[in-house]
Amino acid sequence: MLKKAAAAVRGALKKTAREQTTSSWERLERQLGSALPHMHLNDRIQVLTLVDKTTPSDQALLSCLVAAGDPELTTAYRTIADQLGLDAPADDEDLRDVLEADVDQIHAYWRHR
């Protein structure tokens, strides 16, 4: 179930990146309908980790688009990064700065794709 949900979320986040915006879990639920069943936070974290398993190491994580737009997932971004072997700042303000920079990088990368 989580792998199918991750594939749907990855596609939706690529679309979000092309639109040069951010998202939230609620928006993803509305956008994807039955492809994204109701999930608790731990399942959401697992799905977003799966979304970025194939993200090249020189690119920002697509999940930053949700972490930047959904307060509940902002702090969860640390767990996602950790599960992918990446570091995320412990300080909340520093984390927001990193997310902002990552969103800018994602938007630049996907702008014409």
Protein backbone atom coordinates (compact mmCIF):
# COMPACT_ATOMS: atom_id res chain seq x y z
CA MET A 1 0.00 0.00 0.00
CA LEU A 2 2.73 2.49 0.94
CA LYS A 3 4.70 1.95 -2.28
CA LYS A 4 1.64 2.67 -4.43
CA ALA A 5 0.86 5.75 -2.36
CA ALA A 6 4.48 6.89 -2.67
CA ALA A 7 4.36 6.57 -6.46
CA ALA A 8 1.20 8.69 -6.57
CA VAL A 9 2.64 11.28 -4.18
CA ARG A 10 5.90 11.47 -6.16
CA GLY A 11 3.95 12.23 -9.33
CA ALA A 12 1.87 14.86 -7.54
CA LEU A 13 4.97 16.50 -6.07
CA LYS A 14 6.65 16.66 -9.48
CA LYS A 15 3.54 18.46 -10.73
CA THR A 16 3.68 20.76 -7.69
CA ALA A 17 7.34 21.50 -8.47
CA ARG A 18 6.52 22.33 -12.08
CA GLU A 19 3.80 24.68 -10.83
CA GLN A 20 6.44 26.40 -8.66
CA THR A 21 4.46 26.00 -5.44
CA THR A 22 4.38 23.90 -2.28
CA SER A 23 1.77 21.48 -1.00
CA SER A 24 0.29 20.00 2.16
CA TRP A 25 -0.85 16.51 3.03
CA GLU A 26 -4.49 17.68 2.86
CA ARG A 27 -3.93 19.05 -0.63
CA LEU A 28 -2.33 15.77 -1.70
CA GLU A 29 -5.34 13.86 -0.32
CA ARG A 30 -7.73 16.06 -2.30
CA GLN A 31 -5.58 15.84 -5.43
CA LEU A 32 -5.02 12.08 -5.33
CA GLY A 33 -8.32 10.86 -3.89
CA SER A 34 -8.44 7.10 -3.38
CA ALA A 35 -4.80 6.74 -4.49
CA LEU A 36 -3.86 8.24 -1.12
CA PRO A 37 -5.81 6.64 1.72
CA HIS A 38 -6.06 8.28 5.14
CA MET A 39 -2.76 7.83 7.00
CA HIS A 40 -1.32 8.61 10.39
CA LEU A 41 1.84 10.71 10.68
CA ASN A 42 4.21 7.72 10.81
CA ASP A 43 2.74 6.35 7.57
CA ARG A 44 3.02 9.77 5.94
CA ILE A 45 6.68 9.91 6.93
CA GLN A 46 7.24 6.45 5.43
CA VAL A 47 5.51 7.44 2.19
CA LEU A 48 7.59 10.61 1.87
CA THR A 49 10.75 8.64 2.60
CA LEU A 50 9.80 6.22 -0.20
CA VAL A 51 9.10 9.19 -2.50
CA ASP A 52 12.69 10.34 -2.12
CA LYS A 53 14.45 6.94 -2.11
CA THR A 54 15.23 7.47 -5.81
CA THR A 55 16.06 11.18 -5.60
CA PRO A 56 19.67 11.68 -6.73
CA SER A 57 22.02 12.79 -3.97
CA ASP A 58 22.77 16.07 -5.75
CA GLN A 59 19.09 17.13 -5.73
CA ALA A 60 16.87 18.44 -2.97
CA LEU A 61 14.19 16.07 -1.70
CA LEU A 62 10.76 16.37 -3.28
CA SER A 63 9.29 15.91 0.19
CA CYS A 64 10.55 19.40 1.05
CA LEU A 65 7.56 20.70 -0.93
CA VAL A 66 5.21 19.15 1.65
CA ALA A 67 7.43 19.89 4.64
CA ALA A 68 7.53 23.57 3.68
CA GLY A 69 3.76 23.77 3.19
CA ASP A 70 2.49 21.59 6.05
CA PRO A 71 3.48 22.51 9.64
CA GLU A 72 2.87 18.96 10.88
CA LEU A 73 5.41 17.62 8.39
CA THR A 74 7.98 20.39 8.85
CA THR A 75 9.56 18.78 11.90
CA ALA A 76 8.94 15.30 10.46
CA TYR A 77 11.30 16.30 7.63
CA ARG A 78 14.18 15.60 10.03
CA THR A 79 13.04 11.97 10.28
CA ILE A 80 12.66 11.67 6.51
CA ALA A 81 16.17 13.07 5.96
CA ASP A 82 17.58 10.80 8.67
CA GLN A 83 15.98 7.70 7.14
CA LEU A 84 17.63 8.64 3.84
CA GLY A 85 21.03 9.08 5.49
CA LEU A 86 20.95 12.87 5.27
CA ASP A 87 21.37 15.55 7.91
CA ALA A 88 18.78 18.16 8.83
CA PRO A 89 19.31 21.02 11.27
CA ALA A 90 18.13 20.50 14.85
CA ASP A 91 17.17 24.16 15.19
CA ASP A 92 13.67 24.91 13.85
CA GLU A 93 14.67 28.24 12.31
CA ASP A 94 17.66 26.66 10.58
CA LEU A 95 15.38 23.88 9.33
CA ARG A 96 12.99 26.44 7.81
CA ASP A 97 15.96 28.09 6.07
CA VAL A 98 17.07 24.74 4.65
CA LEU A 99 13.54 23.96 3.49
CA GLU A 100 13.26 27.34 1.80
CA ALA A 101 16.55 26.80 -0.04
CA ASP A 102 15.54 23.25 -1.00
CA VAL A 103 12.18 24.45 -2.34
CA ASP A 104 14.01 27.04 -4.45
CA GLN A 105 16.33 24.31 -5.79
CA ILE A 106 13.41 21.99 -6.58
CA HIS A 107 11.54 24.79 -8.37
CA ALA A 108 14.60 25.66 -10.44
CA TYR A 109 15.20 22.01 -11.36
CA TRP A 110 11.60 21.22 -12.34
CA ARG A 111 10.69 24.58 -13.93
CA HIS A 112 11.13 23.34 -17.51
CA ARG A 113 10.74 19.56 -17.09
